[in-house]
Amino acid sequence: MGKHGISLKGTMDFAGATALLGDLVKSFGEKTVCLQKGAEFCTLKPGETVSFEIEAERKKNRQKLVIELSWLDEAPVQEAGAVKITSIEPEPLPEPEPEAETPAETAAASPEASPVASPCLAAPEAAKKDDEAAPGKKGKK
């Protein structure tokens, strides 16, 4: 499952903030929290075990309360037939016979072959400046 989220930020009066927190508590109690902003939304379904972190902070004329809740999705139940426990080792699987390479595969394996880009590969990260030694200077040991 990929990462998907939504961030809601704003300013409101105390009554509005109280109503927002009330809606959050009610939804959390129903085990489905759906945050929506226009057509964008993110639905969360709390698990049975919830980790929490609460921070309260005062600085000059500013006060802050941060509440963080997190949980793991329920692990899928594995069927009993998928696991086998025994004292007998299974017979080894036969090794597949190597297939003869076609001329195209042989050419592709040669160093002169042009590289083919894969749509699943990410671009390599650029080297970090901290990792590169300046010309004429020795690296730290």
N, C-alpha and C. Protein backbone atom coordinates (compact mmCIF):
# COMPACT_ATOMS: atom_id res chain seq x y z
N MET A 1 0.84 -1.17 0.00
CA MET A 1 0.00 0.00 0.00
C MET A 1 0.88 1.22 0.00
N GLY A 2 0.62 2.17 -0.89
CA GLY A 2 1.42 3.37 -0.99
C GLY A 2 1.03 4.39 0.06
N LYS A 3 1.83 5.42 0.16
CA LYS A 3 1.58 6.48 1.12
C LYS A 3 0.56 7.45 0.54
N HIS A 4 -0.44 7.77 1.32
CA HIS A 4 -1.45 8.74 0.91
C HIS A 4 -1.85 9.52 2.14
N GLY A 5 -1.94 10.80 2.03
CA GLY A 5 -2.32 11.59 3.19
C GLY A 5 -2.89 12.93 2.78
N ILE A 6 -3.35 13.65 3.76
CA ILE A 6 -3.91 14.98 3.56
C ILE A 6 -3.54 15.80 4.79
N SER A 7 -3.30 17.07 4.59
CA SER A 7 -2.95 17.95 5.69
C SER A 7 -3.96 19.09 5.71
N LEU A 8 -4.55 19.32 6.86
CA LEU A 8 -5.50 20.40 7.03
C LEU A 8 -4.92 21.40 8.01
N LYS A 9 -4.81 22.65 7.61
CA LYS A 9 -4.29 23.70 8.48
C LYS A 9 -5.19 24.91 8.34
N GLY A 10 -5.30 25.67 9.40
CA GLY A 10 -6.11 26.87 9.34
C GLY A 10 -6.20 27.52 10.70
N THR A 11 -7.02 28.54 10.78
CA THR A 11 -7.27 29.26 12.02
C THR A 11 -8.78 29.36 12.19
N MET A 12 -9.25 29.12 13.42
CA MET A 12 -10.68 29.21 13.71
C MET A 12 -10.87 29.66 15.14
N ASP A 13 -12.08 30.01 15.49
CA ASP A 13 -12.36 30.40 16.87
C ASP A 13 -12.44 29.16 17.76
N PHE A 14 -12.50 29.38 19.07
CA PHE A 14 -12.49 28.28 20.04
C PHE A 14 -13.67 27.33 19.83
N ALA A 15 -14.86 27.86 19.54
CA ALA A 15 -16.04 27.01 19.33
C ALA A 15 -15.85 26.13 18.10
N GLY A 16 -15.26 26.67 17.04
CA GLY A 16 -14.99 25.88 15.82
C GLY A 16 -13.98 24.78 16.09
N ALA A 17 -12.91 25.09 16.86
CA ALA A 17 -11.90 24.09 17.18
C ALA A 17 -12.50 22.99 18.06
N THR A 18 -13.38 23.37 18.99
CA THR A 18 -14.05 22.38 19.84
C THR A 18 -14.93 21.46 19.01
N ALA A 19 -15.67 22.02 18.05
CA ALA A 19 -16.53 21.21 17.17
C ALA A 19 -15.68 20.27 16.31
N LEU A 20 -14.54 20.77 15.80
CA LEU A 20 -13.66 19.95 14.98
C LEU A 20 -13.12 18.76 15.79
N LEU A 21 -12.67 19.02 17.01
CA LEU A 21 -12.18 17.94 17.88
C LEU A 21 -13.30 16.97 18.24
N GLY A 22 -14.51 17.48 18.44
CA GLY A 22 -15.66 16.61 18.73
C GLY A 22 -15.95 15.68 17.57
N ASP A 23 -15.91 16.22 16.32
CA ASP A 23 -16.11 15.38 15.14
C ASP A 23 -15.02 14.31 15.04
N LEU A 24 -13.79 14.70 15.35
CA LEU A 24 -12.67 13.76 15.30
C LEU A 24 -12.86 12.64 16.32
N VAL A 25 -13.23 12.98 17.54
CA VAL A 25 -13.44 11.98 18.59
C VAL A 25 -14.59 11.05 18.21
N LYS A 26 -15.69 11.61 17.69
CA LYS A 26 -16.84 10.78 17.29
C LYS A 26 -16.44 9.80 16.19
N SER A 27 -15.76 10.30 15.15
CA SER A 27 -15.33 9.44 14.04
C SER A 27 -14.35 8.38 14.52
N PHE A 28 -13.40 8.76 15.38
CA PHE A 28 -12.42 7.81 15.90
C PHE A 28 -13.13 6.71 16.68
N GLY A 29 -14.14 7.07 17.46
CA GLY A 29 -14.91 6.10 18.22
C GLY A 29 -15.67 5.13 17.33
N GLU A 30 -16.03 5.58 16.12
CA GLU A 30 -16.71 4.73 15.14
C GLU A 30 -15.72 3.94 14.29
N LYS A 31 -14.43 4.08 14.60
CA LYS A 31 -13.33 3.37 13.91
C LYS A 31 -13.20 3.69 12.43
N THR A 32 -13.63 4.88 12.02
CA THR A 32 -13.41 5.35 10.65
C THR A 32 -13.28 6.87 10.71
N VAL A 33 -12.09 7.38 10.38
CA VAL A 33 -11.85 8.81 10.37
C VAL A 33 -11.56 9.20 8.92
N CYS A 34 -12.41 10.05 8.36
CA CYS A 34 -12.23 10.50 6.98
C CYS A 34 -12.01 12.01 7.00
N LEU A 35 -10.80 12.45 6.63
CA LEU A 35 -10.50 13.87 6.51
C LEU A 35 -10.68 14.25 5.05
N GLN A 36 -11.38 15.37 4.81
CA GLN A 36 -11.68 15.77 3.44
C GLN A 36 -11.45 17.26 3.27
N LYS A 37 -10.85 17.60 2.13
CA LYS A 37 -10.62 18.99 1.76
C LYS A 37 -10.94 19.09 0.28
N GLY A 38 -12.09 19.62 -0.07
CA GLY A 38 -12.53 19.63 -1.46
C GLY A 38 -12.78 18.21 -1.92
N ALA A 39 -12.21 17.85 -3.07
CA ALA A 39 -12.37 16.49 -3.60
C ALA A 39 -11.32 15.53 -3.03
N GLU A 40 -10.33 16.06 -2.33
CA GLU A 40 -9.24 15.25 -1.77
C GLU A 40 -9.66 14.72 -0.40
N PHE A 41 -9.37 13.45 -0.12
CA PHE A 41 -9.71 12.89 1.19
C PHE A 41 -8.76 11.76 1.54
N CYS A 42 -8.73 11.42 2.83
CA CYS A 42 -7.95 10.30 3.33
C CYS A 42 -8.75 9.64 4.45
N THR A 43 -9.00 8.34 4.32
CA THR A 43 -9.77 7.60 5.32
C THR A 43 -8.85 6.69 6.11
N LEU A 44 -8.95 6.76 7.42
CA LEU A 44 -8.15 5.93 8.32
C LEU A 44 -9.09 5.06 9.14
N LYS A 45 -8.65 3.84 9.41
CA LYS A 45 -9.44 2.91 10.22
C LYS A 45 -8.54 2.45 11.37
N PRO A 46 -8.74 3.03 12.57
CA PRO A 46 -7.89 2.70 13.71
C PRO A 46 -7.92 1.22 14.07
N GLY A 47 -6.76 0.71 14.48
CA GLY A 47 -6.64 -0.68 14.91
C GLY A 47 -6.98 -0.82 16.38
N GLU A 48 -6.86 -2.01 16.90
CA GLU A 48 -7.18 -2.28 18.30
C GLU A 48 -6.11 -1.73 19.24
N THR A 49 -4.85 -1.67 18.79
CA THR A 49 -3.76 -1.15 19.61
C THR A 49 -3.31 0.17 19.01
N VAL A 50 -3.39 1.23 19.79
CA VAL A 50 -3.08 2.58 19.32
C VAL A 50 -1.93 3.14 20.15
N SER A 51 -0.90 3.62 19.46
CA SER A 51 0.21 4.30 20.13
C SER A 51 -0.12 5.79 20.15
N PHE A 52 0.30 6.48 21.20
CA PHE A 52 0.00 7.90 21.26
C PHE A 52 1.18 8.69 21.79
N GLU A 53 1.17 9.99 21.46
CA GLU A 53 2.15 10.93 21.97
C GLU A 53 1.41 12.26 22.13
N ILE A 54 1.50 12.85 23.31
CA ILE A 54 0.86 14.13 23.57
C ILE A 54 1.92 15.09 24.08
N GLU A 55 2.01 16.25 23.46
CA GLU A 55 2.98 17.27 23.85
C GLU A 55 2.24 18.56 24.15
N ALA A 56 2.61 19.21 25.24
CA ALA A 56 2.08 20.52 25.59
C ALA A 56 3.26 21.46 25.75
N GLU A 57 3.14 22.67 25.21
CA GLU A 57 4.28 23.59 25.22
C GLU A 57 3.78 25.03 25.38
N ARG A 58 4.52 25.83 26.17
CA ARG A 58 4.22 27.26 26.31
C ARG A 58 5.50 28.02 26.03
N LYS A 59 5.42 28.99 25.13
CA LYS A 59 6.54 29.88 24.83
C LYS A 59 5.99 31.29 24.75
N LYS A 60 6.48 32.17 25.57
CA LYS A 60 6.04 33.57 25.61
C LYS A 60 4.52 33.64 25.58
N ASN A 61 3.92 34.18 24.53
CA ASN A 61 2.46 34.30 24.47
C ASN A 61 1.81 33.21 23.62
N ARG A 62 2.54 32.15 23.29
CA ARG A 62 2.02 31.09 22.43
C ARG A 62 1.94 29.77 23.21
N GLN A 63 0.81 29.07 23.05
CA GLN A 63 0.63 27.76 23.66
C GLN A 63 0.34 26.76 22.56
N LYS A 64 0.79 25.52 22.76
CA LYS A 64 0.67 24.53 21.70
C LYS A 64 0.35 23.17 22.31
N LEU A 65 -0.59 22.45 21.69
CA LEU A 65 -0.94 21.10 22.09
C LEU A 65 -0.87 20.23 20.84
N VAL A 66 -0.01 19.20 20.88
CA VAL A 66 0.16 18.29 19.74
C VAL A 66 -0.27 16.90 20.19
N ILE A 67 -1.19 16.31 19.44
CA ILE A 67 -1.66 14.96 19.74
C ILE A 67 -1.37 14.09 18.52
N GLU A 68 -0.63 13.01 18.73
CA GLU A 68 -0.30 12.09 17.63
C GLU A 68 -0.77 10.69 18.01
N LEU A 69 -1.56 10.09 17.14
CA LEU A 69 -2.04 8.73 17.31
C LEU A 69 -1.57 7.92 16.12
N SER A 70 -1.12 6.69 16.34
CA SER A 70 -0.71 5.83 15.23
C SER A 70 -1.03 4.39 15.57
N TRP A 71 -1.18 3.58 14.52
CA TRP A 71 -1.50 2.16 14.68
C TRP A 71 -1.10 1.44 13.42
N LEU A 72 -1.06 0.14 13.51
CA LEU A 72 -0.74 -0.70 12.35
C LEU A 72 -2.03 -1.28 11.80
N ASP A 73 -2.06 -1.49 10.48
CA ASP A 73 -3.19 -2.20 9.89
C ASP A 73 -3.21 -3.60 10.47
N GLU A 74 -4.38 -4.16 10.54
CA GLU A 74 -4.50 -5.53 11.03
C GLU A 74 -3.75 -6.45 10.09
N ALA A 75 -2.96 -7.36 10.63
CA ALA A 75 -2.22 -8.32 9.81
C ALA A 75 -3.23 -9.30 9.20
N PRO A 76 -3.08 -9.60 7.93
CA PRO A 76 -4.01 -10.55 7.32
C PRO A 76 -3.83 -11.93 7.94
N VAL A 77 -4.94 -12.62 8.10
CA VAL A 77 -4.91 -13.96 8.68
C VAL A 77 -4.39 -14.92 7.62
N GLN A 78 -3.38 -15.70 8.00
CA GLN A 78 -2.79 -16.65 7.07
C GLN A 78 -3.52 -17.98 7.18
N GLU A 79 -3.87 -18.53 6.02
CA GLU A 79 -4.58 -19.80 6.01
C GLU A 79 -3.69 -20.90 6.58
N ALA A 80 -4.31 -21.86 7.27
CA ALA A 80 -3.57 -22.95 7.90
C ALA A 80 -2.81 -23.78 6.87
N GLY A 81 -3.34 -23.92 5.66
CA GLY A 81 -2.70 -24.73 4.62
C GLY A 81 -1.41 -24.12 4.09
N ALA A 82 -1.17 -22.81 4.32
CA ALA A 82 0.01 -22.15 3.79
C ALA A 82 1.26 -22.46 4.61
N VAL A 83 1.09 -22.93 5.84
CA VAL A 83 2.21 -23.22 6.72
C VAL A 83 2.22 -24.71 7.03
N LYS A 84 3.42 -25.30 6.95
CA LYS A 84 3.54 -26.73 7.23
C LYS A 84 4.74 -26.92 8.16
N ILE A 85 4.53 -27.60 9.27
CA ILE A 85 5.61 -27.88 10.21
C ILE A 85 5.76 -29.39 10.30
N THR A 86 6.98 -29.87 10.06
CA THR A 86 7.24 -31.30 10.07
C THR A 86 8.71 -31.54 10.41
N SER A 87 9.06 -32.76 10.78
CA SER A 87 10.45 -33.09 11.06
C SER A 87 11.15 -33.65 9.83
N ILE A 88 10.44 -33.76 8.71
CA ILE A 88 11.00 -34.32 7.48
C ILE A 88 11.27 -33.20 6.49
N GLU A 89 12.50 -33.17 5.96
CA GLU A 89 12.84 -32.16 4.97
C GLU A 89 12.18 -32.49 3.64
N PRO A 90 11.73 -31.48 2.90
CA PRO A 90 11.14 -31.75 1.60
C PRO A 90 12.21 -32.12 0.58
N GLU A 91 11.80 -32.80 -0.46
CA GLU A 91 12.72 -33.15 -1.54
C GLU A 91 13.14 -31.86 -2.24
N PRO A 92 14.43 -31.73 -2.60
CA PRO A 92 14.85 -30.52 -3.30
C PRO A 92 14.20 -30.44 -4.68
N LEU A 93 13.89 -29.21 -5.08
CA LEU A 93 13.30 -29.00 -6.39
C LEU A 93 14.37 -29.21 -7.45
N PRO A 94 14.01 -29.79 -8.60
CA PRO A 94 15.01 -29.96 -9.66
C PRO A 94 15.44 -28.61 -10.21
N GLU A 95 16.75 -28.50 -10.49
CA GLU A 95 17.26 -27.24 -11.04
C GLU A 95 16.85 -27.13 -12.49
N PRO A 96 16.39 -25.95 -12.92
CA PRO A 96 16.00 -25.79 -14.33
C PRO A 96 17.23 -25.85 -15.23
N GLU A 97 17.05 -26.45 -16.40
CA GLU A 97 18.16 -26.55 -17.35
C GLU A 97 18.37 -25.19 -18.00
N PRO A 98 19.64 -24.80 -18.18
CA PRO A 98 19.89 -23.50 -18.83
C PRO A 98 19.43 -23.54 -20.28
N GLU A 99 18.77 -22.45 -20.68
CA GLU A 99 18.29 -22.36 -22.06
C GLU A 99 19.39 -21.75 -22.92
N ALA A 100 19.41 -22.13 -24.18
CA ALA A 100 20.39 -21.56 -25.11
C ALA A 100 20.02 -20.11 -25.37
N GLU A 101 21.05 -19.25 -25.35
CA GLU A 101 20.80 -17.83 -25.59
C GLU A 101 20.59 -17.58 -27.07
N THR A 102 19.69 -16.65 -27.36
CA THR A 102 19.47 -16.25 -28.74
C THR A 102 20.53 -15.21 -29.09
N PRO A 103 20.79 -14.96 -30.38
CA PRO A 103 21.79 -13.95 -30.75
C PRO A 103 21.46 -12.57 -30.16
N ALA A 104 20.19 -12.23 -30.03
CA ALA A 104 19.81 -10.93 -29.47
C ALA A 104 20.19 -10.86 -27.99
N GLU A 105 20.00 -11.95 -27.24
CA GLU A 105 20.37 -11.97 -25.83
C GLU A 105 21.88 -11.90 -25.66
N THR A 106 22.62 -12.58 -26.54
CA THR A 106 24.07 -12.54 -26.49
C THR A 106 24.56 -11.13 -26.74
N ALA A 107 23.98 -10.43 -27.72
CA ALA A 107 24.38 -9.06 -28.03
C ALA A 107 24.03 -8.12 -26.88
N ALA A 108 22.90 -8.35 -26.24
CA ALA A 108 22.49 -7.50 -25.13
C ALA A 108 23.41 -7.68 -23.94
N ALA A 109 24.00 -8.85 -23.77
CA ALA A 109 24.88 -9.11 -22.65
C ALA A 109 26.27 -8.54 -22.87
N SER A 110 26.61 -8.17 -24.10
CA SER A 110 27.95 -7.66 -24.38
C SER A 110 28.09 -6.23 -23.86
N PRO A 111 29.32 -5.84 -23.48
CA PRO A 111 29.54 -4.50 -22.93
C PRO A 111 29.23 -3.40 -23.93
N GLU A 112 29.31 -3.69 -25.23
CA GLU A 112 29.07 -2.66 -26.23
C GLU A 112 27.58 -2.38 -26.41
N ALA A 113 26.73 -3.23 -25.86
CA ALA A 113 25.29 -3.07 -26.05
C ALA A 113 24.82 -1.79 -25.38
N SER A 114 23.88 -1.11 -26.02
CA SER A 114 23.37 0.12 -25.44
C SER A 114 22.45 -0.22 -24.28
N PRO A 115 22.52 0.55 -23.18
CA PRO A 115 21.68 0.25 -22.03
C PRO A 115 20.21 0.55 -22.35
N VAL A 116 19.34 -0.28 -21.81
CA VAL A 116 17.91 -0.09 -22.01
C VAL A 116 17.34 0.41 -20.69
N ALA A 117 16.64 1.52 -20.72
CA ALA A 117 16.07 2.09 -19.50
C ALA A 117 14.84 1.29 -19.10
N SER A 118 14.74 1.03 -17.83
CA SER A 118 13.58 0.32 -17.30
C SER A 118 12.62 1.35 -16.71
N PRO A 119 11.32 1.22 -16.94
CA PRO A 119 10.39 2.19 -16.39
C PRO A 119 10.28 2.10 -14.87
N CYS A 120 10.85 1.07 -14.27
CA CYS A 120 10.76 0.88 -12.83
C CYS A 120 11.98 1.40 -12.09
N LEU A 121 12.98 1.86 -12.80
CA LEU A 121 14.20 2.32 -12.15
C LEU A 121 14.11 3.80 -11.84
N ALA A 122 14.62 4.19 -10.68
CA ALA A 122 14.66 5.60 -10.31
C ALA A 122 16.00 6.16 -10.75
N ALA A 123 16.04 7.45 -10.98
CA ALA A 123 17.28 8.09 -11.37
C ALA A 123 18.25 8.00 -10.21
N PRO A 124 19.55 7.76 -10.47
CA PRO A 124 20.52 7.67 -9.37
C PRO A 124 20.62 9.00 -8.66
N GLU A 125 20.82 8.94 -7.34
CA GLU A 125 20.94 10.15 -6.56
C GLU A 125 22.28 10.81 -6.85
N ALA A 126 22.28 12.13 -6.86
CA ALA A 126 23.52 12.87 -7.07
C ALA A 126 24.40 12.69 -5.84
N ALA A 127 25.71 12.68 -6.04
CA ALA A 127 26.65 12.52 -4.92
C ALA A 127 26.52 13.71 -3.99
N LYS A 128 26.59 13.46 -2.70
CA LYS A 128 26.50 14.53 -1.73
C LYS A 128 27.83 15.27 -1.68
N LYS A 129 27.77 16.58 -1.51
CA LYS A 129 28.99 17.38 -1.46
C LYS A 129 29.86 17.00 -0.28
N ASP A 130 29.25 16.61 0.85
CA ASP A 130 30.03 16.23 2.04
C ASP A 130 30.83 14.97 1.78
N ASP A 131 30.32 14.08 0.91
CA ASP A 131 30.98 12.81 0.66
C ASP A 131 32.15 12.95 -0.32
N GLU A 132 32.20 14.05 -1.07
CA GLU A 132 33.24 14.23 -2.07
C GLU A 132 34.42 14.96 -1.44
N ALA A 133 35.62 14.49 -1.69
CA ALA A 133 36.81 15.17 -1.19
C ALA A 133 37.15 16.30 -2.15
N ALA A 134 37.55 17.44 -1.61
CA ALA A 134 37.93 18.57 -2.45
C ALA A 134 39.22 18.22 -3.17
N PRO A 135 39.40 18.72 -4.41
CA PRO A 135 40.63 18.42 -5.14
C PRO A 135 41.86 18.88 -4.35
N GLY A 136 42.84 18.01 -4.25
CA GLY A 136 44.09 18.34 -3.58
C GLY A 136 44.03 18.17 -2.07
N LYS A 137 42.89 17.78 -1.53
CA LYS A 137 42.78 17.58 -0.08
C LYS A 137 42.52 16.12 0.20
N LYS A 138 43.04 15.67 1.32
CA LYS A 138 42.83 14.28 1.71
C LYS A 138 41.50 14.18 2.45
N GLY A 139 40.85 13.04 2.27
CA GLY A 139 39.59 12.79 2.98
C GLY A 139 39.85 12.54 4.45
N LYS A 140 38.86 12.80 5.29
CA LYS A 140 38.99 12.56 6.74
C LYS A 140 38.99 11.07 7.01
N LYS A 141 39.76 10.68 8.01
CA LYS A 141 39.81 9.26 8.41
C LYS A 141 39.33 9.11 9.80
